[in-house]
Each structure stands twice: as structure tokens, then as C-alpha cells.
Amino acid sequence: MASVLETIMLICFGCSWPLNVMKAYKARTAKGTSLPFILLIITGYIAGITAKVLNGQINYVLAAYILNIAIVSLNVVVYFRNLALDAKREKGRTVSCSNATPQNI
């Protein structure tokens, strides 16, 4: 019964992560995203996976952990992509602003 409840918990958490990835991908900005928070979640999943392996509980619950950590890790990829997009936009603004002269203003 404990494994079933643990799986339900993982499914509930796991349902939110794909939505978060899509939202972050569409936003095209890292603003409002917390990398430390995402890394903390990944650390928690690693601890859960490690506990399952050390206890010899290699079952369907472990598959849920692995799926969740994969999706959360995708959030890290999207974060760095968005960070690069933010830097590119900022660089574009800096270049545009530096070309301004009193005559152009």
C-alpha cells in the first residue's frame, strides 16, 4: 500500500512539471524561474531514487522517480536556453542604446 501511495504522490508532482516546462519554453525568459529551486527538487528525486536502490525496492515506483527527474531536468535545459535568450535580448538593447546620439533623440 505504501508503494501505491508513494506512486500517487509522484504522479501528482509529475503532472505539474511538463506544464512548467511548456510554460517556461513559451515564455522565452528565465525571469521568474528559480534555478536553486529546480536543483533542490532534483536533489530530492536523487535522494528518493537512492533510497529505493539501497533498500532493494526496484519496482514501478522507481520508474516514476526516474520519469520525474527527467522532466525536471528538462526544466534546467529550458532555464539555460531562456537565460541565453535573455542575454541576447539584453545585448541587442545595449547595442541599440549605444548608437543613440543627441541628434537621434
N, C-alpha and C. Protein backbone atom coordinates (compact mmCIF):
# COMPACT_ATOMS: atom_id res chain seq x y z
N MET A 1 0.83 -1.20 0.00
CA MET A 1 0.00 0.00 0.00
C MET A 1 0.88 1.27 0.00
N ALA A 2 2.01 1.23 0.72
CA ALA A 2 2.88 2.40 0.79
C ALA A 2 3.43 2.75 -0.58
N SER A 3 3.77 1.73 -1.38
CA SER A 3 4.28 1.99 -2.73
C SER A 3 3.22 2.63 -3.61
N VAL A 4 1.99 2.22 -3.46
CA VAL A 4 0.89 2.80 -4.24
C VAL A 4 0.72 4.27 -3.87
N LEU A 5 0.73 4.57 -2.59
CA LEU A 5 0.58 5.97 -2.16
C LEU A 5 1.77 6.82 -2.61
N GLU A 6 2.97 6.24 -2.54
CA GLU A 6 4.15 6.97 -2.99
C GLU A 6 4.07 7.25 -4.49
N THR A 7 3.58 6.29 -5.24
CA THR A 7 3.41 6.47 -6.68
C THR A 7 2.39 7.55 -6.98
N ILE A 8 1.30 7.57 -6.24
CA ILE A 8 0.29 8.62 -6.42
C ILE A 8 0.90 9.99 -6.16
N MET A 9 1.70 10.10 -5.10
CA MET A 9 2.37 11.36 -4.81
C MET A 9 3.27 11.78 -5.96
N LEU A 10 4.04 10.83 -6.49
CA LEU A 10 4.96 11.13 -7.58
C LEU A 10 4.21 11.52 -8.85
N ILE A 11 3.09 10.87 -9.10
CA ILE A 11 2.27 11.22 -10.27
C ILE A 11 1.71 12.63 -10.13
N CYS A 12 1.24 12.97 -8.94
CA CYS A 12 0.72 14.32 -8.71
C CYS A 12 1.81 15.37 -8.93
N PHE A 13 2.98 15.14 -8.37
CA PHE A 13 4.09 16.07 -8.59
C PHE A 13 4.50 16.07 -10.05
N GLY A 14 4.55 14.88 -10.62
CA GLY A 14 4.99 14.73 -12.00
C GLY A 14 4.10 15.39 -13.02
N CYS A 15 2.83 15.51 -12.74
CA CYS A 15 1.90 16.15 -13.69
C CYS A 15 2.16 17.64 -13.84
N SER A 16 2.68 18.26 -12.82
CA SER A 16 2.91 19.71 -12.87
C SER A 16 4.18 20.07 -13.65
N TRP A 17 5.17 19.19 -13.70
CA TRP A 17 6.44 19.54 -14.31
C TRP A 17 6.38 19.71 -15.82
N PRO A 18 5.68 18.85 -16.57
CA PRO A 18 5.59 19.10 -18.02
C PRO A 18 4.92 20.44 -18.33
N LEU A 19 3.94 20.80 -17.52
CA LEU A 19 3.27 22.09 -17.71
C LEU A 19 4.24 23.24 -17.45
N ASN A 20 5.07 23.07 -16.43
CA ASN A 20 6.07 24.08 -16.11
C ASN A 20 7.10 24.22 -17.23
N VAL A 21 7.52 23.10 -17.81
CA VAL A 21 8.48 23.14 -18.91
C VAL A 21 7.88 23.89 -20.10
N MET A 22 6.63 23.57 -20.44
CA MET A 22 5.99 24.23 -21.59
C MET A 22 5.82 25.73 -21.35
N LYS A 23 5.43 26.09 -20.13
CA LYS A 23 5.25 27.50 -19.80
C LYS A 23 6.57 28.25 -19.90
N ALA A 24 7.63 27.67 -19.36
CA ALA A 24 8.95 28.32 -19.40
C ALA A 24 9.46 28.41 -20.84
N TYR A 25 9.23 27.37 -21.62
CA TYR A 25 9.69 27.36 -23.01
C TYR A 25 8.98 28.46 -23.82
N LYS A 26 7.68 28.58 -23.62
CA LYS A 26 6.90 29.60 -24.34
C LYS A 26 7.24 31.01 -23.86
N ALA A 27 7.58 31.16 -22.59
CA ALA A 27 7.89 32.47 -22.02
C ALA A 27 9.16 33.05 -22.63
N ARG A 28 10.11 32.20 -23.00
CA ARG A 28 11.37 32.62 -23.61
C ARG A 28 12.16 33.58 -22.73
N THR A 29 12.01 33.44 -21.42
CA THR A 29 12.78 34.24 -20.48
C THR A 29 13.02 33.42 -19.21
N ALA A 30 14.17 33.64 -18.60
CA ALA A 30 14.49 32.95 -17.34
C ALA A 30 13.97 33.73 -16.14
N LYS A 31 13.48 34.94 -16.40
CA LYS A 31 12.96 35.75 -15.29
C LYS A 31 11.78 35.04 -14.64
N GLY A 32 11.80 34.99 -13.34
CA GLY A 32 10.74 34.33 -12.59
C GLY A 32 10.99 32.84 -12.37
N THR A 33 12.09 32.34 -12.90
CA THR A 33 12.45 30.93 -12.71
C THR A 33 13.60 30.85 -11.70
N SER A 34 13.46 29.95 -10.77
CA SER A 34 14.49 29.79 -9.73
C SER A 34 15.29 28.52 -9.98
N LEU A 35 16.53 28.69 -10.45
CA LEU A 35 17.40 27.54 -10.65
C LEU A 35 17.67 26.80 -9.34
N PRO A 36 17.94 27.49 -8.23
CA PRO A 36 18.15 26.76 -6.97
C PRO A 36 16.95 25.89 -6.58
N PHE A 37 15.75 26.39 -6.83
CA PHE A 37 14.54 25.61 -6.52
C PHE A 37 14.50 24.33 -7.37
N ILE A 38 14.75 24.47 -8.66
CA ILE A 38 14.74 23.30 -9.55
C ILE A 38 15.81 22.29 -9.12
N LEU A 39 16.99 22.79 -8.78
CA LEU A 39 18.07 21.90 -8.34
C LEU A 39 17.74 21.22 -7.02
N LEU A 40 17.01 21.90 -6.15
CA LEU A 40 16.58 21.31 -4.89
C LEU A 40 15.60 20.16 -5.15
N ILE A 41 14.70 20.35 -6.09
CA ILE A 41 13.75 19.29 -6.45
C ILE A 41 14.51 18.09 -7.02
N ILE A 42 15.47 18.36 -7.90
CA ILE A 42 16.27 17.27 -8.48
C ILE A 42 17.01 16.52 -7.38
N THR A 43 17.56 17.25 -6.43
CA THR A 43 18.26 16.62 -5.30
C THR A 43 17.31 15.71 -4.52
N GLY A 44 16.10 16.15 -4.32
CA GLY A 44 15.10 15.33 -3.64
C GLY A 44 14.79 14.05 -4.40
N TYR A 45 14.65 14.16 -5.71
CA TYR A 45 14.40 12.96 -6.52
C TYR A 45 15.60 12.02 -6.49
N ILE A 46 16.81 12.57 -6.53
CA ILE A 46 18.01 11.73 -6.44
C ILE A 46 18.02 10.99 -5.10
N ALA A 47 17.65 11.67 -4.03
CA ALA A 47 17.59 11.02 -2.71
C ALA A 47 16.55 9.90 -2.71
N GLY A 48 15.40 10.15 -3.33
CA GLY A 48 14.37 9.12 -3.40
C GLY A 48 14.81 7.92 -4.21
N ILE A 49 15.46 8.17 -5.33
CA ILE A 49 15.98 7.08 -6.17
C ILE A 49 17.03 6.28 -5.41
N THR A 50 17.94 7.00 -4.75
CA THR A 50 19.00 6.34 -3.98
C THR A 50 18.40 5.48 -2.87
N ALA A 51 17.40 5.99 -2.19
CA ALA A 51 16.76 5.22 -1.13
C ALA A 51 16.15 3.93 -1.68
N LYS A 52 15.50 4.03 -2.83
CA LYS A 52 14.89 2.84 -3.43
C LYS A 52 15.95 1.80 -3.79
N VAL A 53 17.05 2.27 -4.38
CA VAL A 53 18.12 1.35 -4.78
C VAL A 53 18.77 0.71 -3.55
N LEU A 54 19.10 1.52 -2.54
CA LEU A 54 19.75 0.99 -1.34
C LEU A 54 18.87 -0.01 -0.59
N ASN A 55 17.54 0.22 -0.63
CA ASN A 55 16.61 -0.70 0.05
C ASN A 55 16.23 -1.88 -0.83
N GLY A 56 16.74 -1.93 -2.06
CA GLY A 56 16.42 -3.02 -2.95
C GLY A 56 14.99 -2.99 -3.45
N GLN A 57 14.37 -1.83 -3.41
CA GLN A 57 12.97 -1.69 -3.85
C GLN A 57 12.93 -1.24 -5.32
N ILE A 58 13.42 -2.10 -6.17
CA ILE A 58 13.44 -1.80 -7.60
C ILE A 58 12.08 -2.22 -8.15
N ASN A 59 11.17 -1.26 -8.27
CA ASN A 59 9.82 -1.56 -8.76
C ASN A 59 9.28 -0.38 -9.56
N TYR A 60 7.99 -0.38 -9.81
CA TYR A 60 7.36 0.66 -10.62
C TYR A 60 7.49 2.05 -10.01
N VAL A 61 7.64 2.16 -8.71
CA VAL A 61 7.81 3.47 -8.07
C VAL A 61 9.11 4.12 -8.54
N LEU A 62 10.14 3.30 -8.68
CA LEU A 62 11.42 3.81 -9.16
C LEU A 62 11.27 4.40 -10.56
N ALA A 63 10.44 3.78 -11.38
CA ALA A 63 10.19 4.31 -12.73
C ALA A 63 9.55 5.70 -12.66
N ALA A 64 8.65 5.91 -11.71
CA ALA A 64 8.03 7.22 -11.53
C ALA A 64 9.07 8.26 -11.12
N TYR A 65 9.97 7.88 -10.23
CA TYR A 65 11.05 8.79 -9.83
C TYR A 65 11.91 9.18 -11.03
N ILE A 66 12.27 8.18 -11.83
CA ILE A 66 13.14 8.42 -12.98
C ILE A 66 12.45 9.31 -14.01
N LEU A 67 11.18 9.08 -14.26
CA LEU A 67 10.42 9.93 -15.19
C LEU A 67 10.36 11.36 -14.68
N ASN A 68 10.08 11.53 -13.40
CA ASN A 68 10.01 12.87 -12.81
C ASN A 68 11.33 13.61 -12.88
N ILE A 69 12.42 12.92 -12.54
CA ILE A 69 13.72 13.59 -12.56
C ILE A 69 14.11 13.98 -13.99
N ALA A 70 13.70 13.17 -14.95
CA ALA A 70 13.99 13.50 -16.36
C ALA A 70 13.25 14.77 -16.77
N ILE A 71 11.99 14.88 -16.38
CA ILE A 71 11.19 16.05 -16.75
C ILE A 71 11.69 17.30 -16.03
N VAL A 72 12.03 17.16 -14.75
CA VAL A 72 12.55 18.31 -14.00
C VAL A 72 13.89 18.74 -14.58
N SER A 73 14.70 17.78 -14.99
CA SER A 73 15.99 18.11 -15.61
C SER A 73 15.80 18.87 -16.92
N LEU A 74 14.73 18.58 -17.61
CA LEU A 74 14.40 19.33 -18.82
C LEU A 74 14.16 20.80 -18.48
N ASN A 75 13.62 21.06 -17.29
CA ASN A 75 13.45 22.44 -16.83
C ASN A 75 14.79 23.17 -16.75
N VAL A 76 15.84 22.46 -16.35
CA VAL A 76 17.17 23.07 -16.27
C VAL A 76 17.65 23.45 -17.66
N VAL A 77 17.44 22.57 -18.62
CA VAL A 77 17.83 22.84 -20.01
C VAL A 77 17.10 24.08 -20.53
N VAL A 78 15.79 24.14 -20.30
CA VAL A 78 14.99 25.28 -20.75
C VAL A 78 15.43 26.55 -20.03
N TYR A 79 15.78 26.45 -18.75
CA TYR A 79 16.25 27.61 -18.00
C TYR A 79 17.48 28.22 -18.66
N PHE A 80 18.47 27.37 -18.99
CA PHE A 80 19.69 27.91 -19.59
C PHE A 80 19.45 28.41 -21.01
N ARG A 81 18.55 27.78 -21.73
CA ARG A 81 18.16 28.30 -23.05
C ARG A 81 17.56 29.69 -22.89
N ASN A 82 16.64 29.83 -21.94
CA ASN A 82 15.99 31.13 -21.72
C ASN A 82 16.97 32.17 -21.20
N LEU A 83 17.92 31.75 -20.39
CA LEU A 83 18.95 32.67 -19.91
C LEU A 83 19.76 33.21 -21.08
N ALA A 84 20.08 32.35 -22.04
CA ALA A 84 20.81 32.77 -23.23
C ALA A 84 19.97 33.73 -24.07
N LEU A 85 18.67 33.46 -24.17
CA LEU A 85 17.78 34.37 -24.90
C LEU A 85 17.70 35.73 -24.21
N ASP A 86 17.65 35.72 -22.88
CA ASP A 86 17.64 36.99 -22.13
C ASP A 86 18.92 37.78 -22.40
N ALA A 87 20.06 37.09 -22.38
CA ALA A 87 21.35 37.76 -22.62
C ALA A 87 21.41 38.33 -24.03
N LYS A 88 20.89 37.58 -24.99
CA LYS A 88 20.88 38.03 -26.38
C LYS A 88 20.00 39.28 -26.54
N ARG A 89 18.83 39.27 -25.89
CA ARG A 89 17.94 40.44 -25.94
C ARG A 89 18.60 41.65 -25.28
N GLU A 90 19.24 41.41 -24.13
CA GLU A 90 19.90 42.50 -23.41
C GLU A 90 21.04 43.07 -24.23
N LYS A 91 21.78 42.22 -24.88
CA LYS A 91 22.88 42.67 -25.72
C LYS A 91 22.34 43.51 -26.88
N GLY A 92 21.23 43.09 -27.45
CA GLY A 92 20.59 43.85 -28.53
C GLY A 92 20.15 45.22 -28.08
N ARG A 93 19.64 45.31 -26.86
CA ARG A 93 19.21 46.61 -26.32
C ARG A 93 20.41 47.51 -26.07
N THR A 94 21.49 46.93 -25.56
CA THR A 94 22.69 47.71 -25.26
C THR A 94 23.28 48.28 -26.54
N VAL A 95 23.33 47.49 -27.59
CA VAL A 95 23.88 47.94 -28.86
C VAL A 95 23.01 49.05 -29.43
N SER A 96 21.70 48.87 -29.37
CA SER A 96 20.78 49.88 -29.90
C SER A 96 20.90 51.19 -29.13
N CYS A 97 21.00 51.10 -27.82
CA CYS A 97 21.09 52.29 -27.00
C CYS A 97 22.41 53.00 -27.19
N SER A 98 23.49 52.27 -27.44
CA SER A 98 24.80 52.91 -27.58
C SER A 98 24.92 53.69 -28.88
N ASN A 99 24.07 53.40 -29.84
CA ASN A 99 24.10 54.12 -31.11
C ASN A 99 23.30 55.42 -31.04
N ALA A 100 22.61 55.64 -29.94
CA ALA A 100 21.81 56.87 -29.82
C ALA A 100 22.71 58.08 -29.63
N THR A 101 22.42 59.10 -30.35
CA THR A 101 23.13 60.38 -30.22
C THR A 101 22.12 61.44 -29.90
N PRO A 102 22.55 62.58 -29.40
CA PRO A 102 21.59 63.64 -29.09
C PRO A 102 20.76 64.03 -30.33
N GLN A 103 21.31 63.89 -31.50
CA GLN A 103 20.57 64.25 -32.71
C GLN A 103 19.46 63.25 -33.00
N ASN A 104 19.68 61.97 -32.62
CA ASN A 104 18.69 60.91 -32.89
C ASN A 104 17.59 60.91 -31.84
N ILE A 105 17.80 61.60 -30.74
CA ILE A 105 16.83 61.53 -29.65
C ILE A 105 15.75 62.52 -29.82
